[in-house]
Structures are given as C-alpha cells and as structure tokens.
C-alpha cells in the first residue's frame, strides 16, 4: 500500500474531486429516494425510512464539506492528463 506522500498533488486533487463527485451522486440518489418515499402514502415505516435517509444525507454532506477543504482552487480540472 502506498502512502499519500507517494502521490503527486495533481493525483491527490483528482482523488478528492472523484470522492466529491461520488458523494454528490450518493446524495442525489438518496434525495430522490426520499422524495419517492414522501410521494407515497405516509405510514410509520415510511416516516422511519425518511428519517434514516435524512441521517444518511446529513453524513454525506458532512463528508463532502470535510473533503471540500482539501480542494486547491488553483488546481484546474483542465490539467488532468491520463
């Protein structure tokens, strides 16, 4: 296993952006699922499912905000080369 110190700054920024994109997708999927739950007739099970989805969305938002602190605004996505 390699350490972060073995990674270039560009690789690290790509990794952070991939992570943030993944978190954004997860959040969108959960928000869509929550809206579908809300569109159905309300039951106690649905209320519990909505609460669970809200907690998961909150955790994703917390992770997203944490990783956003690592993004270097000077690093442009246009510089990505494979």
PDB file of N, CA and C in Angstrom:
ATOM      1  N   UNK A   1       0.843  -1.176   0.000  1.00  0.00           N
ATOM      2  CA  UNK A   1       0.000   0.000   0.000  1.00  0.00           C
ATOM      3  C   UNK A   1       0.886   1.236   0.000  1.00  0.00           C
ATOM      4  N   UNK A   2       0.530   2.192  -0.828  1.00  0.00           N
ATOM      5  CA  UNK A   2       1.299   3.431  -0.907  1.00  0.00           C
ATOM      6  C   UNK A   2       0.759   4.455   0.081  1.00  0.00           C
ATOM      7  N   UNK A   3       1.608   5.402   0.440  1.00  0.00           N
ATOM      8  CA  UNK A   3       1.228   6.497   1.325  1.00  0.00           C
ATOM      9  C   UNK A   3       0.822   7.705   0.500  1.00  0.00           C
ATOM     10  N   UNK A   4       0.143   8.638   1.142  1.00  0.00           N
ATOM     11  CA  UNK A   4      -0.226   9.882   0.469  1.00  0.00           C
ATOM     12  C   UNK A   4       1.013  10.628   0.001  1.00  0.00           C
ATOM     13  N   UNK A   5       2.099  10.483   0.727  1.00  0.00           N
ATOM     14  CA  UNK A   5       3.330  11.185   0.345  1.00  0.00           C
ATOM     15  C   UNK A   5       3.891  10.665  -0.987  1.00  0.00           C
ATOM     16  N   UNK A   6       3.461   9.481  -1.416  1.00  0.00           N
ATOM     17  CA  UNK A   6       3.885   8.940  -2.712  1.00  0.00           C
ATOM     18  C   UNK A   6       3.050   9.494  -3.860  1.00  0.00           C
ATOM     19  N   UNK A   7       2.045  10.283  -3.539  1.00  0.00           N
ATOM     20  CA  UNK A   7       1.096  10.792  -4.523  1.00  0.00           C
ATOM     21  C   UNK A   7       1.456  12.234  -4.880  1.00  0.00           C
ATOM     22  N   UNK A   8       1.352  12.565  -6.156  1.00  0.00           N
ATOM     23  CA  UNK A   8       1.585  13.953  -6.558  1.00  0.00           C
ATOM     24  C   UNK A   8       0.378  14.785  -6.140  1.00  0.00           C
ATOM     25  N   UNK A   9       0.560  16.100  -6.120  1.00  0.00           N
ATOM     26  CA  UNK A   9      -0.541  16.998  -5.762  1.00  0.00           C
ATOM     27  C   UNK A   9      -1.679  16.869  -6.771  1.00  0.00           C
ATOM     28  N   UNK A  10      -1.344  16.708  -8.042  1.00  0.00           N
ATOM     29  CA  UNK A  10      -2.364  16.537  -9.069  1.00  0.00           C
ATOM     30  C   UNK A  10      -3.181  15.269  -8.853  1.00  0.00           C
ATOM     31  N   UNK A  11      -2.495  14.174  -8.498  1.00  0.00           N
ATOM     32  CA  UNK A  11      -3.202  12.920  -8.210  1.00  0.00           C
ATOM     33  C   UNK A  11      -4.123  13.080  -7.003  1.00  0.00           C
ATOM     34  N   UNK A  12      -3.618  13.768  -5.993  1.00  0.00           N
ATOM     35  CA  UNK A  12      -4.427  13.984  -4.788  1.00  0.00           C
ATOM     36  C   UNK A  12      -5.667  14.811  -5.118  1.00  0.00           C
ATOM     37  N   UNK A  13      -5.496  15.866  -5.917  1.00  0.00           N
ATOM     38  CA  UNK A  13      -6.637  16.694  -6.284  1.00  0.00           C
ATOM     39  C   UNK A  13      -7.652  15.914  -7.118  1.00  0.00           C
ATOM     40  N   UNK A  14      -7.163  15.053  -8.027  1.00  0.00           N
ATOM     41  CA  UNK A  14      -8.076  14.204  -8.804  1.00  0.00           C
ATOM     42  C   UNK A  14      -8.849  13.275  -7.883  1.00  0.00           C
ATOM     43  N   UNK A  15      -8.157  12.695  -6.921  1.00  0.00           N
ATOM     44  CA  UNK A  15      -8.792  11.783  -5.977  1.00  0.00           C
ATOM     45  C   UNK A  15      -9.865  12.502  -5.161  1.00  0.00           C
ATOM     46  N   UNK A  16      -9.568  13.697  -4.704  1.00  0.00           N
ATOM     47  CA  UNK A  16     -10.543  14.475  -3.941  1.00  0.00           C
ATOM     48  C   UNK A  16     -11.760  14.793  -4.809  1.00  0.00           C
ATOM     49  N   UNK A  17     -11.539  15.186  -6.040  1.00  0.00           N
ATOM     50  CA  UNK A  17     -12.659  15.502  -6.935  1.00  0.00           C
ATOM     51  C   UNK A  17     -13.503  14.266  -7.237  1.00  0.00           C
ATOM     52  N   UNK A  18     -12.865  13.119  -7.406  1.00  0.00           N
ATOM     53  CA  UNK A  18     -13.606  11.871  -7.610  1.00  0.00           C
ATOM     54  C   UNK A  18     -14.451  11.563  -6.384  1.00  0.00           C
ATOM     55  N   UNK A  19     -13.857  11.723  -5.231  1.00  0.00           N
ATOM     56  CA  UNK A  19     -14.567  11.495  -3.971  1.00  0.00           C
ATOM     57  C   UNK A  19     -15.778  12.416  -3.855  1.00  0.00           C
ATOM     58  N   UNK A  20     -15.594  13.671  -4.166  1.00  0.00           N
ATOM     59  CA  UNK A  20     -16.684  14.637  -4.042  1.00  0.00           C
ATOM     60  C   UNK A  20     -17.779  14.362  -5.070  1.00  0.00           C
ATOM     61  N   UNK A  21     -17.392  13.948  -6.278  1.00  0.00           N
ATOM     62  CA  UNK A  21     -18.393  13.575  -7.277  1.00  0.00           C
ATOM     63  C   UNK A  21     -19.201  12.374  -6.811  1.00  0.00           C
ATOM     64  N   UNK A  22     -18.521  11.397  -6.244  1.00  0.00           N
ATOM     65  CA  UNK A  22     -19.209  10.212  -5.725  1.00  0.00           C
ATOM     66  C   UNK A  22     -20.179  10.590  -4.609  1.00  0.00           C
ATOM     67  N   UNK A  23     -19.751  11.432  -3.703  1.00  0.00           N
ATOM     68  CA  UNK A  23     -20.632  11.870  -2.617  1.00  0.00           C
ATOM     69  C   UNK A  23     -21.831  12.645  -3.156  1.00  0.00           C
ATOM     70  N   UNK A  24     -21.615  13.456  -4.176  1.00  0.00           N
ATOM     71  CA  UNK A  24     -22.723  14.204  -4.779  1.00  0.00           C
ATOM     72  C   UNK A  24     -23.744  13.257  -5.403  1.00  0.00           C
ATOM     73  N   UNK A  25     -23.255  12.235  -6.086  1.00  0.00           N
ATOM     74  CA  UNK A  25     -24.149  11.247  -6.700  1.00  0.00           C
ATOM     75  C   UNK A  25     -24.917  10.487  -5.633  1.00  0.00           C
ATOM     76  N   UNK A  26     -24.213  10.047  -4.594  1.00  0.00           N
ATOM     77  CA  UNK A  26     -24.889   9.331  -3.498  1.00  0.00           C
ATOM     78  C   UNK A  26     -25.978  10.198  -2.878  1.00  0.00           C
ATOM     79  N   UNK A  27     -25.671  11.455  -2.652  1.00  0.00           N
ATOM     80  CA  UNK A  27     -26.645  12.363  -2.037  1.00  0.00           C
ATOM     81  C   UNK A  27     -27.867  12.540  -2.942  1.00  0.00           C
ATOM     82  N   UNK A  28     -27.636  12.718  -4.234  1.00  0.00           N
ATOM     83  CA  UNK A  28     -28.742  12.875  -5.176  1.00  0.00           C
ATOM     84  C   UNK A  28     -29.630  11.637  -5.188  1.00  0.00           C
ATOM     85  N   UNK A  29     -29.019  10.463  -5.191  1.00  0.00           N
ATOM     86  CA  UNK A  29     -29.793   9.221  -5.180  1.00  0.00           C
ATOM     87  C   UNK A  29     -30.633   9.104  -3.911  1.00  0.00           C
ATOM     88  N   UNK A  30     -30.040   9.450  -2.781  1.00  0.00           N
ATOM     89  CA  UNK A  30     -30.778   9.398  -1.521  1.00  0.00           C
ATOM     90  C   UNK A  30     -31.904  10.428  -1.485  1.00  0.00           C
ATOM     91  N   UNK A  31     -31.644  11.616  -2.010  1.00  0.00           N
ATOM     92  CA  UNK A  31     -32.690  12.638  -2.050  1.00  0.00           C
ATOM     93  C   UNK A  31     -33.844  12.200  -2.958  1.00  0.00           C
ATOM     94  N   UNK A  32     -33.515  11.550  -4.077  1.00  0.00           N
ATOM     95  CA  UNK A  32     -34.564  11.031  -4.960  1.00  0.00           C
ATOM     96  C   UNK A  32     -35.371   9.939  -4.271  1.00  0.00           C
ATOM     97  N   UNK A  33     -34.686   9.064  -3.562  1.00  0.00           N
ATOM     98  CA  UNK A  33     -35.367   8.000  -2.824  1.00  0.00           C
ATOM     99  C   UNK A  33     -36.264   8.587  -1.734  1.00  0.00           C
ATOM    100  N   UNK A  34     -35.784   9.624  -1.060  1.00  0.00           N
ATOM    101  CA  UNK A  34     -36.575  10.265  -0.019  1.00  0.00           C
ATOM    102  C   UNK A  34     -37.823  10.917  -0.618  1.00  0.00           C
ATOM    103  N   UNK A  35     -37.677  11.539  -1.780  1.00  0.00           N
ATOM    104  CA  UNK A  35     -38.838  12.158  -2.431  1.00  0.00           C
ATOM    105  C   UNK A  35     -39.855  11.091  -2.831  1.00  0.00           C
ATOM    106  N   UNK A  36     -39.377   9.953  -3.301  1.00  0.00           N
ATOM    107  CA  UNK A  36     -40.289   8.861  -3.654  1.00  0.00           C
ATOM    108  C   UNK A  36     -41.031   8.362  -2.421  1.00  0.00           C
ATOM    109  N   UNK A  37     -40.331   8.298  -1.291  1.00  0.00           N
ATOM    110  CA  UNK A  37     -40.974   7.894  -0.036  1.00  0.00           C
ATOM    111  C   UNK A  37     -42.042   8.902   0.366  1.00  0.00           C
ATOM    112  N   UNK A  38     -41.754  10.158   0.191  1.00  0.00           N
ATOM    113  CA  UNK A  38     -42.701  11.209   0.573  1.00  0.00           C
ATOM    114  C   UNK A  38     -43.925  11.227  -0.341  1.00  0.00           C
ATOM    115  N   UNK A  39     -43.738  10.819  -1.606  1.00  0.00           N
ATOM    116  CA  UNK A  39     -44.852  10.810  -2.554  1.00  0.00           C
ATOM    117  C   UNK A  39     -45.857   9.703  -2.246  1.00  0.00           C
ATOM    118  N   UNK A  40     -45.414   8.644  -1.596  1.00  0.00           N
ATOM    119  CA  UNK A  40     -46.309   7.552  -1.226  1.00  0.00           C
ATOM    120  C   UNK A  40     -47.144   7.962  -0.018  1.00  0.00           C
ATOM    121  N   UNK A  41     -48.182   7.192   0.240  1.00  0.00           N
ATOM    122  CA  UNK A  41     -48.981   7.443   1.433  1.00  0.00           C
ATOM    123  C   UNK A  41     -48.113   7.262   2.660  1.00  0.00           C
ATOM    124  N   UNK A  42     -48.304   8.130   3.640  1.00  0.00           N
ATOM    125  CA  UNK A  42     -47.450   8.126   4.822  1.00  0.00           C
ATOM    126  C   UNK A  42     -47.845   6.996   5.772  1.00  0.00           C
ATOM    127  N   UNK A  43     -46.849   6.289   6.210  1.00  0.00           N
ATOM    128  CA  UNK A  43     -47.022   5.278   7.244  1.00  0.00           C
ATOM    129  C   UNK A  43     -45.879   5.453   8.230  1.00  0.00           C
ATOM    130  N   UNK A  44     -45.965   4.764   9.337  1.00  0.00           N
ATOM    131  CA  UNK A  44     -44.897   4.833  10.337  1.00  0.00           C
ATOM    132  C   UNK A  44     -43.589   4.301   9.760  1.00  0.00           C
ATOM    133  N   UNK A  45     -43.654   3.244   8.945  1.00  0.00           N
ATOM    134  CA  UNK A  45     -42.446   2.695   8.329  1.00  0.00           C
ATOM    135  C   UNK A  45     -41.813   3.699   7.365  1.00  0.00           C
ATOM    136  N   UNK A  46     -42.661   4.414   6.624  1.00  0.00           N
ATOM    137  CA  UNK A  46     -42.130   5.402   5.693  1.00  0.00           C
ATOM    138  C   UNK A  46     -41.496   6.567   6.444  1.00  0.00           C
ATOM    139  N   UNK A  47     -42.118   6.992   7.531  1.00  0.00           N
ATOM    140  CA  UNK A  47     -41.521   8.059   8.342  1.00  0.00           C
ATOM    141  C   UNK A  47     -40.155   7.637   8.854  1.00  0.00           C
ATOM    142  N   UNK A  48     -40.039   6.387   9.274  1.00  0.00           N
ATOM    143  CA  UNK A  48     -38.762   5.862   9.767  1.00  0.00           C
ATOM    144  C   UNK A  48     -37.751   5.804   8.626  1.00  0.00           C
ATOM    145  N   UNK A  49     -38.182   5.373   7.439  1.00  0.00           N
ATOM    146  CA  UNK A  49     -37.287   5.307   6.283  1.00  0.00           C
ATOM    147  C   UNK A  49     -36.812   6.708   5.895  1.00  0.00           C
ATOM    148  N   UNK A  50     -37.708   7.684   5.930  1.00  0.00           N
ATOM    149  CA  UNK A  50     -37.340   9.065   5.610  1.00  0.00           C
ATOM    150  C   UNK A  50     -36.334   9.600   6.620  1.00  0.00           C
ATOM    151  N   UNK A  51     -36.545   9.320   7.901  1.00  0.00           N
ATOM    152  CA  UNK A  51     -35.591   9.748   8.932  1.00  0.00           C
ATOM    153  C   UNK A  51     -34.222   9.137   8.688  1.00  0.00           C
ATOM    154  N   UNK A  52     -34.201   7.851   8.310  1.00  0.00           N
ATOM    155  CA  UNK A  52     -32.937   7.169   8.030  1.00  0.00           C
ATOM    156  C   UNK A  52     -32.244   7.804   6.827  1.00  0.00           C
ATOM    157  N   UNK A  53     -33.005   8.098   5.780  1.00  0.00           N
ATOM    158  CA  UNK A  53     -32.429   8.745   4.595  1.00  0.00           C
ATOM    159  C   UNK A  53     -31.885  10.129   4.933  1.00  0.00           C
ATOM    160  N   UNK A  54     -32.612  10.872   5.747  1.00  0.00           N
ATOM    161  CA  UNK A  54     -32.144  12.206   6.147  1.00  0.00           C
ATOM    162  C   UNK A  54     -30.834  12.120   6.913  1.00  0.00           C
ATOM    163  N   UNK A  55     -30.696  11.122   7.781  1.00  0.00           N
ATOM    164  CA  UNK A  55     -29.434  10.933   8.521  1.00  0.00           C
ATOM    165  C   UNK A  55     -28.297  10.608   7.562  1.00  0.00           C
ATOM    166  N   UNK A  56     -28.557   9.723   6.601  1.00  0.00           N
ATOM    167  CA  UNK A  56     -27.522   9.351   5.637  1.00  0.00           C
ATOM    168  C   UNK A  56     -27.109  10.555   4.792  1.00  0.00           C
ATOM    169  N   UNK A  57     -28.080  11.365   4.380  1.00  0.00           N
ATOM    170  CA  UNK A  57     -27.776  12.567   3.595  1.00  0.00           C
ATOM    171  C   UNK A  57     -26.939  13.535   4.424  1.00  0.00           C
ATOM    172  N   UNK A  58     -27.277  13.677   5.700  1.00  0.00           N
ATOM    173  CA  UNK A  58     -26.530  14.570   6.574  1.00  0.00           C
ATOM    174  C   UNK A  58     -25.072  14.099   6.709  1.00  0.00           C
ATOM    175  N   UNK A  59     -24.852  12.795   6.831  1.00  0.00           N
ATOM    176  CA  UNK A  59     -23.491  12.270   6.938  1.00  0.00           C
ATOM    177  C   UNK A  59     -22.709  12.497   5.643  1.00  0.00           C
ATOM    178  N   UNK A  60     -23.375  12.314   4.511  1.00  0.00           N
ATOM    179  CA  UNK A  60     -22.721  12.561   3.227  1.00  0.00           C
ATOM    180  C   UNK A  60     -22.353  14.033   3.102  1.00  0.00           C
ATOM    181  N   UNK A  61     -23.258  14.916   3.498  1.00  0.00           N
ATOM    182  CA  UNK A  61     -22.976  16.358   3.439  1.00  0.00           C
ATOM    183  C   UNK A  61     -21.786  16.703   4.332  1.00  0.00           C
ATOM    184  N   UNK A  62     -21.733  16.071   5.502  1.00  0.00           N
ATOM    185  CA  UNK A  62     -20.611  16.321   6.414  1.00  0.00           C
ATOM    186  C   UNK A  62     -19.296  15.885   5.772  1.00  0.00           C
ATOM    187  N   UNK A  63     -19.274  14.693   5.150  1.00  0.00           N
ATOM    188  CA  UNK A  63     -18.074  14.222   4.457  1.00  0.00           C
ATOM    189  C   UNK A  63     -17.714  15.156   3.305  1.00  0.00           C
ATOM    190  N   UNK A  64     -18.726  15.567   2.542  1.00  0.00           N
ATOM    191  CA  UNK A  64     -18.492  16.456   1.404  1.00  0.00           C
ATOM    192  C   UNK A  64     -17.848  17.759   1.867  1.00  0.00           C
ATOM    193  N   UNK A  65     -18.397  18.342   2.907  1.00  0.00           N
ATOM    194  CA  UNK A  65     -17.847  19.595   3.434  1.00  0.00           C
ATOM    195  C   UNK A  65     -16.416  19.400   3.934  1.00  0.00           C
ATOM    196  N   UNK A  66     -16.154  18.247   4.547  1.00  0.00           N
ATOM    197  CA  UNK A  66     -14.804  17.958   5.045  1.00  0.00           C
ATOM    198  C   UNK A  66     -13.813  17.889   3.886  1.00  0.00           C
ATOM    199  N   UNK A  67     -14.159  17.130   2.828  1.00  0.00           N
ATOM    200  CA  UNK A  67     -13.243  16.970   1.700  1.00  0.00           C
ATOM    201  C   UNK A  67     -13.119  18.250   0.875  1.00  0.00           C
ATOM    202  N   UNK A  68     -14.134  19.084   0.896  1.00  0.00           N
ATOM    203  CA  UNK A  68     -14.072  20.345   0.148  1.00  0.00           C
ATOM    204  C   UNK A  68     -12.941  21.227   0.661  1.00  0.00           C
ATOM    205  N   UNK A  69     -12.573  21.056   1.916  1.00  0.00           N
ATOM    206  CA  UNK A  69     -11.465  21.834   2.483  1.00  0.00           C
ATOM    207  C   UNK A  69     -10.121  21.488   1.841  1.00  0.00           C
ATOM    208  N   UNK A  70     -10.034  20.344   1.190  1.00  0.00           N
ATOM    209  CA  UNK A  70      -8.770  19.905   0.587  1.00  0.00           C
ATOM    210  C   UNK A  70      -8.629  20.330  -0.875  1.00  0.00           C
ATOM    211  N   UNK A  71      -9.687  20.853  -1.456  1.00  0.00           N
ATOM    212  CA  UNK A  71      -9.612  21.243  -2.865  1.00  0.00           C
ATOM    213  C   UNK A  71      -8.766  22.498  -3.008  1.00  0.00           C
ATOM    214  N   UNK A  72      -7.831  22.423  -3.904  1.00  0.00           N
ATOM    215  CA  UNK A  72      -6.971  23.557  -4.207  1.00  0.00           C
ATOM    216  C   UNK A  72      -7.605  24.324  -5.363  1.00  0.00           C
ATOM    217  N   UNK A  73      -8.082  25.548  -5.121  1.00  0.00           N
ATOM    218  CA  UNK A  73      -8.743  26.303  -6.195  1.00  0.00           C
ATOM    219  C   UNK A  73      -7.798  26.621  -7.355  1.00  0.00           C
ATOM    220  N   UNK A  74      -6.507  26.593  -7.107  1.00  0.00           N
ATOM    221  CA  UNK A  74      -5.545  26.871  -8.169  1.00  0.00           C
ATOM    222  C   UNK A  74      -5.398  25.680  -9.113  1.00  0.00           C
ATOM    223  N   UNK A  75      -5.824  24.519  -8.665  1.00  0.00           N
ATOM    224  CA  UNK A  75      -5.732  23.318  -9.493  1.00  0.00           C
ATOM    225  C   UNK A  75      -6.948  23.253 -10.409  1.00  0.00           C
ATOM    226  N   UNK A  76      -6.701  23.211 -11.686  1.00  0.00           N
ATOM    227  CA  UNK A  76      -7.786  23.208 -12.659  1.00  0.00           C
ATOM    228  C   UNK A  76      -8.026  21.798 -13.151  1.00  0.00           C
ATOM    229  N   UNK A  77      -9.298  21.451 -13.340  1.00  0.00           N
ATOM    230  CA  UNK A  77      -9.632  20.130 -13.879  1.00  0.00           C
ATOM    231  C   UNK A  77      -9.125  19.988 -15.311  1.00  0.00           C
ATOM    232  N   UNK A  78      -8.878  21.098 -15.976  1.00  0.00           N
ATOM    233  CA  UNK A  78      -8.385  21.056 -17.348  1.00  0.00           C
ATOM    234  C   UNK A  78      -6.971  20.499 -17.418  1.00  0.00           C
ATOM    235  N   UNK A  79      -6.255  20.485 -16.306  1.00  0.00           N
ATOM    236  CA  UNK A  79      -4.883  19.996 -16.288  1.00  0.00           C
ATOM    237  C   UNK A  79      -4.817  18.468 -16.218  1.00  0.00           C
ATOM    238  N   UNK A  80      -5.943  17.821 -16.042  1.00  0.00           N
ATOM    239  CA  UNK A  80      -5.943  16.366 -15.863  1.00  0.00           C
ATOM    240  C   UNK A  80      -5.462  15.689 -17.153  1.00  0.00           C
ATOM    241  N   UNK A  81      -4.455  14.861 -16.995  1.00  0.00           N
ATOM    242  CA  UNK A  81      -3.930  14.090 -18.113  1.00  0.00           C
ATOM    243  C   UNK A  81      -3.788  12.647 -17.675  1.00  0.00           C
ATOM    244  N   UNK A  82      -4.134  11.755 -18.571  1.00  0.00           N
ATOM    245  CA  UNK A  82      -4.030  10.316 -18.266  1.00  0.00           C
ATOM    246  C   UNK A  82      -3.015   9.672 -19.166  1.00  0.00           C
TER     247      UNK A  82
END
